[in-house]
Amino acid sequence: MQNWYEIRNADQVDSPALLIYPQRVKANIHEALRMAGGPQRLRPHVKTNKCIEAVVLMMDEGITKFKCATIAEAELLGMCNAEDVLLAYQPVGPKLKRFIEVLIKFPETAYSCLTDNLDAAREISEEFQKAGRVGTVWLDINVGQDRTGIPPERAAELWKFCLDLPGIRPVGLHAYDGHIREADWEARKRVCDACFEKVDNLKKEIINNGWGEPVIVAGGSPSFSIHCLREGIQCSPGTFVYWDKGYKDLCPEQNFLPAALVLSRVISLPADNKLCIDLGHKSVAAENEIGRRVYFLNAPELKALSQSEEHLVVEAGVGHQYKVGDILYGLPIHICPTVALYERAITVNDQLADGEWRTIGRDRKISI
């Protein structure tokens, strides 16, 4: 439907607002399952949705494994009774203590975390021993992102080190390749395959040394269409559940639907050719340059000129027909940090705003 995003009772929705279209969310979950070949292949990242309702929709389709980045997200998944949760982060200091508190509070959920160096692994082991438990860890492998992780050629030593520690048990290899952004799928696949080969060789080295058989969780959204073709690994896309303009342009081979928008209004006409919209830094992710923050589905000709905390000024052209109060439906370029700006999202069904999903995972702390 061409104007699927329009809501008939928009006069009841204050702006700016985050809109979620649950039927499209369900369609995206089904598409992810189709691509992966079943729920056992998926470990979705909840950093995009950060809410119980979206997680429950995935669980209803048989997905049992999840990934998260914060303690609040880990607690959210425990509240959902998720079976298997990987904290894709190396917890240190107070965060490690909080992580252990979470897994004690939610004993029905099997929690694990990342580690990428000897000192951190030792600290994790010691804290788990103090708690009278054995923690499950995955080695974070640096496959080119150069953000976290240990180089693949040094990781076997860390695996053996963790294997010998009394407080932890290594089970898998985590390989996030978020740096791979080639627009051409074949070019993206070549780079992705070269990165993954190092992880696969590491797995073989660990097996050949008799140190067990690690599970591999690989990739994010851009490489999902590549990793889903491999056998025996878990895929961990996150953005698919809502999708956004950035990945829609970068990954046209992935048939996900935009399922989250920002509703905004024209609030001022500062010049004959300009509009001011109530969509500032606090309402849509602003890490990209000014022209790559939002795309208005019902006003694609508008070009962003400047943005402040509460305002977005756009070029509309002399002689435009826009009026104060006009509603604009914006598709964020980057949905994940956009969602984090809203404590709640308005759900839209049959073109009516009819409920809300609380974004409780955006908090730094829920209860722990």
Protein backbone atom coordinates (compact mmCIF):
# COMPACT_ATOMS: atom_id res chain seq x y z
CA MET A 1 0.00 0.00 0.00
CA GLN A 2 1.54 3.26 -1.16
CA ASN A 3 0.64 5.31 1.91
CA TRP A 4 0.86 2.46 4.42
CA TYR A 5 2.45 4.76 6.98
CA GLU A 6 -0.37 7.31 7.29
CA ILE A 7 -2.47 7.19 10.44
CA ARG A 8 -6.07 8.38 10.43
CA ASN A 9 -6.03 9.64 14.02
CA ALA A 10 -2.75 11.54 13.81
CA ASP A 11 -4.47 14.50 15.45
CA GLN A 12 -4.33 12.49 18.68
CA VAL A 13 -0.55 11.90 18.49
CA ASP A 14 1.75 14.59 19.82
CA SER A 15 5.01 15.04 17.94
CA PRO A 16 7.74 14.13 17.64
CA ALA A 17 6.71 10.51 18.14
CA LEU A 18 8.18 7.13 17.37
CA LEU A 19 5.70 4.96 15.46
CA ILE A 20 5.91 1.15 15.33
CA TYR A 21 3.92 -0.93 12.84
CA PRO A 22 3.58 -4.39 14.49
CA GLN A 23 2.33 -6.19 11.38
CA ARG A 24 5.45 -5.12 9.55
CA VAL A 25 7.58 -6.19 12.51
CA LYS A 26 6.03 -9.66 12.24
CA ALA A 27 6.69 -9.75 8.50
CA ASN A 28 10.35 -8.86 9.14
CA ILE A 29 10.70 -11.64 11.72
CA HIS A 30 9.27 -14.11 9.20
CA GLU A 31 11.71 -12.92 6.54
CA ALA A 32 14.68 -13.29 8.91
CA LEU A 33 13.56 -16.84 9.70
CA ARG A 34 13.25 -17.60 5.99
CA MET A 35 16.73 -16.27 5.26
CA ALA A 36 18.34 -18.09 8.18
CA GLY A 37 16.51 -21.36 7.58
CA GLY A 38 14.87 -21.53 10.99
CA PRO A 39 14.93 -20.07 14.51
CA GLN A 40 17.88 -22.22 15.64
CA ARG A 41 20.14 -20.23 13.28
CA LEU A 42 19.20 -16.85 14.73
CA ARG A 43 20.51 -14.89 17.71
CA PRO A 44 18.89 -11.48 17.15
CA HIS A 45 20.41 -8.41 18.77
CA VAL A 46 17.85 -6.48 20.84
CA LYS A 47 19.76 -3.18 20.76
CA THR A 48 17.40 -1.98 18.04
CA ASN A 49 14.02 -2.64 19.63
CA LYS A 50 14.86 -2.51 23.37
CA CYS A 51 11.33 -3.57 24.30
CA ILE A 52 9.49 -6.60 25.65
CA GLU A 53 6.80 -6.66 22.96
CA ALA A 54 9.22 -7.05 20.04
CA VAL A 55 11.15 -9.75 21.89
CA VAL A 56 7.93 -11.65 22.61
CA LEU A 57 6.98 -11.53 18.93
CA MET A 58 10.31 -13.18 18.10
CA MET A 59 9.90 -15.76 20.85
CA ASP A 60 6.41 -16.56 19.55
CA GLU A 61 8.10 -17.60 16.29
CA GLY A 62 10.42 -20.02 18.06
CA ILE A 63 13.49 -17.79 18.50
CA THR A 64 15.17 -18.69 21.80
CA LYS A 65 18.65 -17.14 21.55
CA PHE A 66 19.33 -13.41 21.81
CA LYS A 67 22.18 -10.94 21.95
CA CYS A 68 22.31 -7.65 23.85
CA ALA A 69 24.79 -4.89 24.63
CA THR A 70 23.79 -3.51 28.03
CA ILE A 71 22.84 -4.76 31.47
CA ALA A 72 19.37 -3.22 31.07
CA GLU A 73 18.88 -5.13 27.81
CA ALA A 74 20.08 -8.31 29.54
CA GLU A 75 17.55 -7.73 32.32
CA LEU A 76 14.80 -7.04 29.78
CA LEU A 77 15.47 -10.44 28.19
CA GLY A 78 15.34 -12.08 31.60
CA MET A 79 11.96 -10.45 32.16
CA CYS A 80 10.84 -12.10 28.91
CA ASN A 81 12.09 -15.52 30.10
CA ALA A 82 14.41 -15.77 27.12
CA GLU A 83 16.26 -19.09 27.16
CA ASP A 84 19.72 -18.01 26.03
CA VAL A 85 21.24 -14.51 26.24
CA LEU A 86 24.69 -13.39 25.14
CA LEU A 87 25.88 -10.05 26.52
CA ALA A 88 27.94 -8.94 23.51
CA TYR A 89 30.17 -6.87 25.74
CA GLN A 90 33.11 -7.55 28.00
CA PRO A 91 31.88 -6.59 31.51
CA VAL A 92 34.48 -5.04 33.80
CA GLY A 93 34.29 -3.45 37.24
CA PRO A 94 30.77 -2.67 38.48
CA LYS A 95 29.24 -3.86 35.22
CA LEU A 96 30.57 -7.36 35.86
CA LYS A 97 29.00 -7.39 39.30
CA ARG A 98 25.69 -6.20 37.85
CA PHE A 99 25.86 -8.90 35.18
CA ILE A 100 26.19 -11.58 37.83
CA GLU A 101 23.26 -10.05 39.71
CA VAL A 102 21.14 -10.33 36.57
CA LEU A 103 21.86 -14.01 36.04
CA ILE A 104 21.15 -14.72 39.71
CA LYS A 105 17.82 -12.87 39.49
CA PHE A 106 16.77 -14.75 36.33
CA PRO A 107 17.94 -18.36 36.84
CA GLU A 108 15.76 -19.68 34.00
CA THR A 109 17.82 -17.70 31.47
CA ALA A 110 21.25 -18.98 30.45
CA TYR A 111 23.49 -15.91 30.32
CA SER A 112 26.96 -15.58 28.81
CA CYS A 113 29.30 -12.70 28.00
CA LEU A 114 32.35 -11.79 25.93
CA THR A 115 36.01 -11.59 26.82
CA ASP A 116 39.00 -10.62 24.70
CA ASN A 117 42.06 -10.54 26.97
CA LEU A 118 43.73 -12.39 29.81
CA ASP A 119 43.23 -9.77 32.54
CA ALA A 120 39.51 -9.39 31.87
CA ALA A 121 39.03 -13.16 31.67
CA ARG A 122 40.78 -13.53 35.02
CA GLU A 123 38.56 -10.85 36.60
CA ILE A 124 35.41 -12.53 35.24
CA SER A 125 36.61 -15.87 36.62
CA GLU A 126 37.32 -14.40 40.04
CA GLU A 127 33.94 -12.67 40.33
CA PHE A 128 32.07 -15.80 39.31
CA GLN A 129 34.02 -17.83 41.86
CA LYS A 130 33.04 -15.33 44.56
CA ALA A 131 29.42 -15.83 43.52
CA GLY A 132 29.85 -19.61 43.67
CA ARG A 133 29.16 -20.00 39.97
CA VAL A 134 30.84 -20.85 36.69
CA GLY A 135 30.34 -18.24 34.01
CA THR A 136 29.99 -18.94 30.31
CA VAL A 137 32.13 -16.82 27.98
CA TRP A 138 32.62 -16.30 24.27
CA LEU A 139 35.87 -14.98 22.84
CA ASP A 140 35.38 -11.66 21.08
CA ILE A 141 37.36 -11.92 17.83
CA ASN A 142 38.59 -8.80 16.03
CA VAL A 143 37.93 -9.47 12.34
CA GLY A 144 38.64 -5.91 11.20
CA GLN A 145 36.28 -3.65 13.15
CA ASP A 146 39.22 -2.66 15.41
CA ARG A 147 36.83 -1.70 18.18
CA THR A 148 37.04 -4.65 20.54
CA GLY A 149 38.25 -8.21 20.28
CA ILE A 150 41.44 -10.21 20.12
CA PRO A 151 43.20 -10.88 16.78
CA PRO A 152 42.33 -14.38 15.51
CA GLU A 153 45.98 -15.47 15.47
CA ARG A 154 46.26 -14.86 19.23
CA ALA A 155 42.88 -16.17 20.26
CA ALA A 156 43.73 -19.87 20.72
CA GLU A 157 46.00 -18.94 23.61
CA LEU A 158 43.14 -17.01 25.25
CA TRP A 159 40.77 -19.94 24.73
CA LYS A 160 43.18 -22.29 26.49
CA PHE A 161 43.66 -19.74 29.28
CA CYS A 162 39.89 -19.53 29.83
CA LEU A 163 39.62 -23.30 29.68
CA ASP A 164 42.05 -23.58 32.60
CA LEU A 165 40.37 -20.91 34.76
CA PRO A 166 38.11 -22.34 37.48
CA GLY A 167 35.37 -19.70 37.30
CA ILE A 168 34.54 -19.62 33.59
CA ARG A 169 33.91 -21.94 30.67
CA PRO A 170 34.55 -20.88 27.04
CA VAL A 171 31.85 -21.98 24.61
CA GLY A 172 32.07 -19.88 21.48
CA LEU A 173 33.61 -17.30 19.17
CA HIS A 174 31.94 -13.94 18.54
CA ALA A 175 32.85 -12.30 15.23
CA TYR A 176 31.18 -8.96 14.56
CA ASP A 177 32.07 -7.50 11.16
CA GLY A 178 30.27 -4.16 11.30
CA HIS A 179 33.05 -2.49 9.30
CA ILE A 180 31.98 -4.31 6.12
CA ARG A 181 29.86 -1.78 4.22
CA GLU A 182 30.42 -2.48 0.53
CA ALA A 183 27.26 -1.55 -1.40
CA ASP A 184 27.83 -4.28 -3.99
CA TRP A 185 26.78 -7.63 -2.52
CA GLU A 186 29.48 -9.63 -4.29
CA ALA A 187 32.18 -7.25 -3.06
CA ARG A 188 30.69 -7.37 0.44
CA LYS A 189 30.71 -11.16 0.30
CA ARG A 190 34.39 -11.32 -0.71
CA VAL A 191 35.43 -9.16 2.24
CA CYS A 192 33.10 -11.01 4.62
CA ASP A 193 34.35 -14.43 3.53
CA ALA A 194 37.97 -13.38 3.99
CA CYS A 195 37.22 -12.20 7.54
CA PHE A 196 35.24 -15.31 8.41
CA GLU A 197 37.96 -17.63 7.12
CA LYS A 198 40.20 -16.49 9.98
CA VAL A 199 37.51 -17.37 12.51
CA ASP A 200 36.86 -20.73 10.89
CA ASN A 201 40.60 -21.51 10.99
CA LEU A 202 40.66 -20.56 14.68
CA LYS A 203 37.80 -22.95 15.36
CA LYS A 204 39.69 -25.74 13.61
CA GLU A 205 42.83 -24.98 15.64
CA ILE A 206 40.88 -25.21 18.90
CA ILE A 207 39.30 -28.50 17.84
CA ASN A 208 42.62 -29.95 16.67
CA ASN A 209 44.17 -29.14 20.04
CA GLY A 210 41.43 -31.10 21.77
CA TRP A 211 40.03 -28.03 23.53
CA GLY A 212 36.40 -28.55 22.54
CA GLU A 213 34.32 -27.32 19.62
CA PRO A 214 33.37 -23.64 19.82
CA VAL A 215 30.07 -22.29 18.52
CA ILE A 216 30.35 -19.29 16.20
CA VAL A 217 28.04 -16.28 16.19
CA ALA A 218 28.85 -14.01 13.26
CA GLY A 219 27.89 -10.73 11.73
CA GLY A 220 25.26 -8.08 12.08
CA SER A 221 22.81 -6.67 9.55
CA PRO A 222 24.90 -5.89 6.42
CA SER A 223 26.54 -9.34 6.46
CA PHE A 224 23.40 -11.26 7.46
CA SER A 225 22.59 -12.13 3.84
CA ILE A 226 26.07 -13.69 3.58
CA HIS A 227 26.42 -15.48 6.90
CA CYS A 228 22.94 -16.99 6.60
CA LEU A 229 24.32 -19.06 3.70
CA ARG A 230 26.88 -20.75 5.96
CA GLU A 231 26.11 -23.93 7.84
CA GLY A 232 26.67 -24.44 11.52
CA ILE A 233 26.83 -20.82 12.71
CA GLN A 234 24.48 -18.42 14.45
CA CYS A 235 23.56 -15.10 12.81
CA SER A 236 22.87 -12.02 14.91
CA PRO A 237 21.19 -9.22 12.95
CA GLY A 238 19.27 -6.65 14.97
CA THR A 239 18.06 -3.84 12.74
CA PHE A 240 15.93 -6.20 10.63
CA VAL A 241 13.10 -6.04 13.16
CA TYR A 242 12.42 -2.35 12.36
CA TRP A 243 14.76 -1.69 9.38
CA ASP A 244 15.83 1.80 8.34
CA LYS A 245 16.76 3.95 5.36
CA GLY A 246 20.49 3.34 5.81
CA TYR A 247 20.31 -0.44 5.48
CA LYS A 248 17.47 -0.26 2.96
CA ASP A 249 19.90 1.56 0.64
CA LEU A 250 23.00 -0.45 1.57
CA CYS A 251 21.40 -3.92 1.54
CA PRO A 252 18.73 -3.98 -1.21
CA GLU A 253 19.05 -7.77 -1.33
CA GLN A 254 17.41 -7.99 2.10
CA ASN A 255 13.64 -7.77 1.75
CA PHE A 256 12.80 -6.24 5.11
CA LEU A 257 10.12 -3.59 5.50
CA PRO A 258 10.49 -0.24 7.26
CA ALA A 259 8.48 -0.81 10.45
CA ALA A 260 9.42 2.22 12.56
CA LEU A 261 9.02 5.88 11.68
CA VAL A 262 9.18 9.26 13.38
CA LEU A 263 6.08 11.42 13.11
CA SER A 264 6.82 15.14 13.09
CA ARG A 265 5.11 18.42 12.25
CA VAL A 266 5.92 21.67 10.54
CA ILE A 267 6.02 24.20 13.38
CA SER A 268 7.31 27.35 11.67
CA LEU A 269 7.91 28.96 8.26
CA PRO A 270 11.10 30.98 8.94
CA ALA A 271 11.59 32.01 5.28
CA ASP A 272 9.79 31.70 1.95
CA ASN A 273 11.83 28.60 1.08
CA LYS A 274 12.31 27.03 4.52
CA LEU A 275 10.36 24.95 7.00
CA CYS A 276 11.12 24.28 10.64
CA ILE A 277 10.13 20.81 11.83
CA ASP A 278 9.96 19.52 15.42
CA LEU A 279 12.59 16.84 14.84
CA GLY A 280 15.81 17.84 16.58
CA HIS A 281 18.86 15.96 17.84
CA LYS A 282 16.72 14.60 20.67
CA SER A 283 14.26 12.99 18.27
CA VAL A 284 16.26 11.30 15.50
CA ALA A 285 19.77 9.88 15.40
CA ALA A 286 22.17 12.70 14.54
CA GLU A 287 25.54 10.98 14.18
CA ASN A 288 25.51 11.21 10.37
CA GLU A 289 26.02 14.39 8.39
CA ILE A 290 23.00 16.67 8.17
CA GLY A 291 21.68 15.25 4.91
CA ARG A 292 21.76 11.66 6.19
CA ARG A 293 19.55 11.67 9.28
CA VAL A 294 15.97 11.27 8.10
CA TYR A 295 14.06 10.72 4.86
CA PHE A 296 10.47 11.96 4.73
CA LEU A 297 8.28 9.39 2.98
CA ASN A 298 5.57 11.93 2.17
CA ALA A 299 7.99 14.77 1.40
CA PRO A 300 11.12 13.27 -0.20
CA GLU A 301 12.09 16.59 -1.80
CA LEU A 302 12.84 18.26 1.54
CA LYS A 303 16.55 18.80 2.17
CA ALA A 304 17.89 19.27 5.69
CA LEU A 305 19.86 22.46 6.26
CA SER A 306 20.48 22.60 10.01
CA GLN A 307 19.44 20.88 13.21
CA SER A 308 19.43 21.75 16.90
CA GLU A 309 18.08 20.00 19.97
CA GLU A 310 14.40 20.47 19.15
CA HIS A 311 14.36 21.79 15.58
CA LEU A 312 15.17 20.67 12.05
CA VAL A 313 15.30 23.34 9.33
CA VAL A 314 14.76 22.11 5.77
CA GLU A 315 14.80 23.59 2.28
CA ALA A 316 11.35 23.34 0.68
CA GLY A 317 11.77 25.70 -2.28
CA VAL A 318 10.08 29.03 -2.98
CA GLY A 319 6.39 28.57 -3.70
CA HIS A 320 6.01 25.42 -1.61
CA GLN A 321 2.55 24.51 -0.33
CA TYR A 322 3.48 23.38 3.19
CA LYS A 323 1.61 24.87 6.15
CA VAL A 324 2.25 25.00 9.89
CA GLY A 325 0.80 21.83 11.37
CA ASP A 326 1.46 19.60 8.36
CA ILE A 327 2.46 16.08 9.37
CA LEU A 328 5.62 14.45 8.07
CA TYR A 329 6.48 10.75 8.32
CA GLY A 330 10.23 10.31 8.61
CA LEU A 331 12.17 7.12 7.98
CA PRO A 332 15.35 7.36 10.10
CA ILE A 333 18.66 6.67 8.42
CA HIS A 334 19.75 4.89 11.62
CA ILE A 335 16.90 3.45 13.63
CA CYS A 336 18.81 1.93 16.59
CA PRO A 337 19.92 5.17 18.29
CA THR A 338 16.66 6.81 17.21
CA VAL A 339 14.65 4.26 19.22
CA ALA A 340 16.86 4.97 22.23
CA LEU A 341 15.65 8.59 22.20
CA TYR A 342 12.06 7.59 22.99
CA GLU A 343 10.80 6.16 26.27
CA ARG A 344 7.79 4.76 24.42
CA ALA A 345 6.68 4.03 20.87
CA ILE A 346 3.16 4.43 19.50
CA THR A 347 1.86 1.29 17.80
CA VAL A 348 -0.07 1.60 14.53
CA ASN A 349 -2.53 -1.05 13.33
CA ASP A 350 -4.93 -0.63 10.40
CA GLN A 351 -3.73 2.97 10.08
CA LEU A 352 -4.75 3.82 13.63
CA ALA A 353 -2.49 4.74 16.54
CA ASP A 354 -3.83 2.28 19.09
CA GLY A 355 -1.29 1.56 21.81
CA GLU A 356 2.30 1.85 22.94
CA TRP A 357 5.41 -0.21 23.54
CA ARG A 358 7.68 0.94 26.35
CA THR A 359 11.35 1.16 25.37
CA ILE A 360 12.55 -0.01 28.78
CA GLY A 361 15.89 -1.25 27.45
CA ARG A 362 16.97 2.34 26.75
CA ASP A 363 17.43 2.94 30.47
CA ARG A 364 20.88 2.60 31.98
CA LYS A 365 19.22 0.65 34.76
CA ILE A 366 15.90 -1.14 35.10
CA SER A 367 16.26 -2.62 38.58
CA ILE A 368 19.86 -3.91 38.73
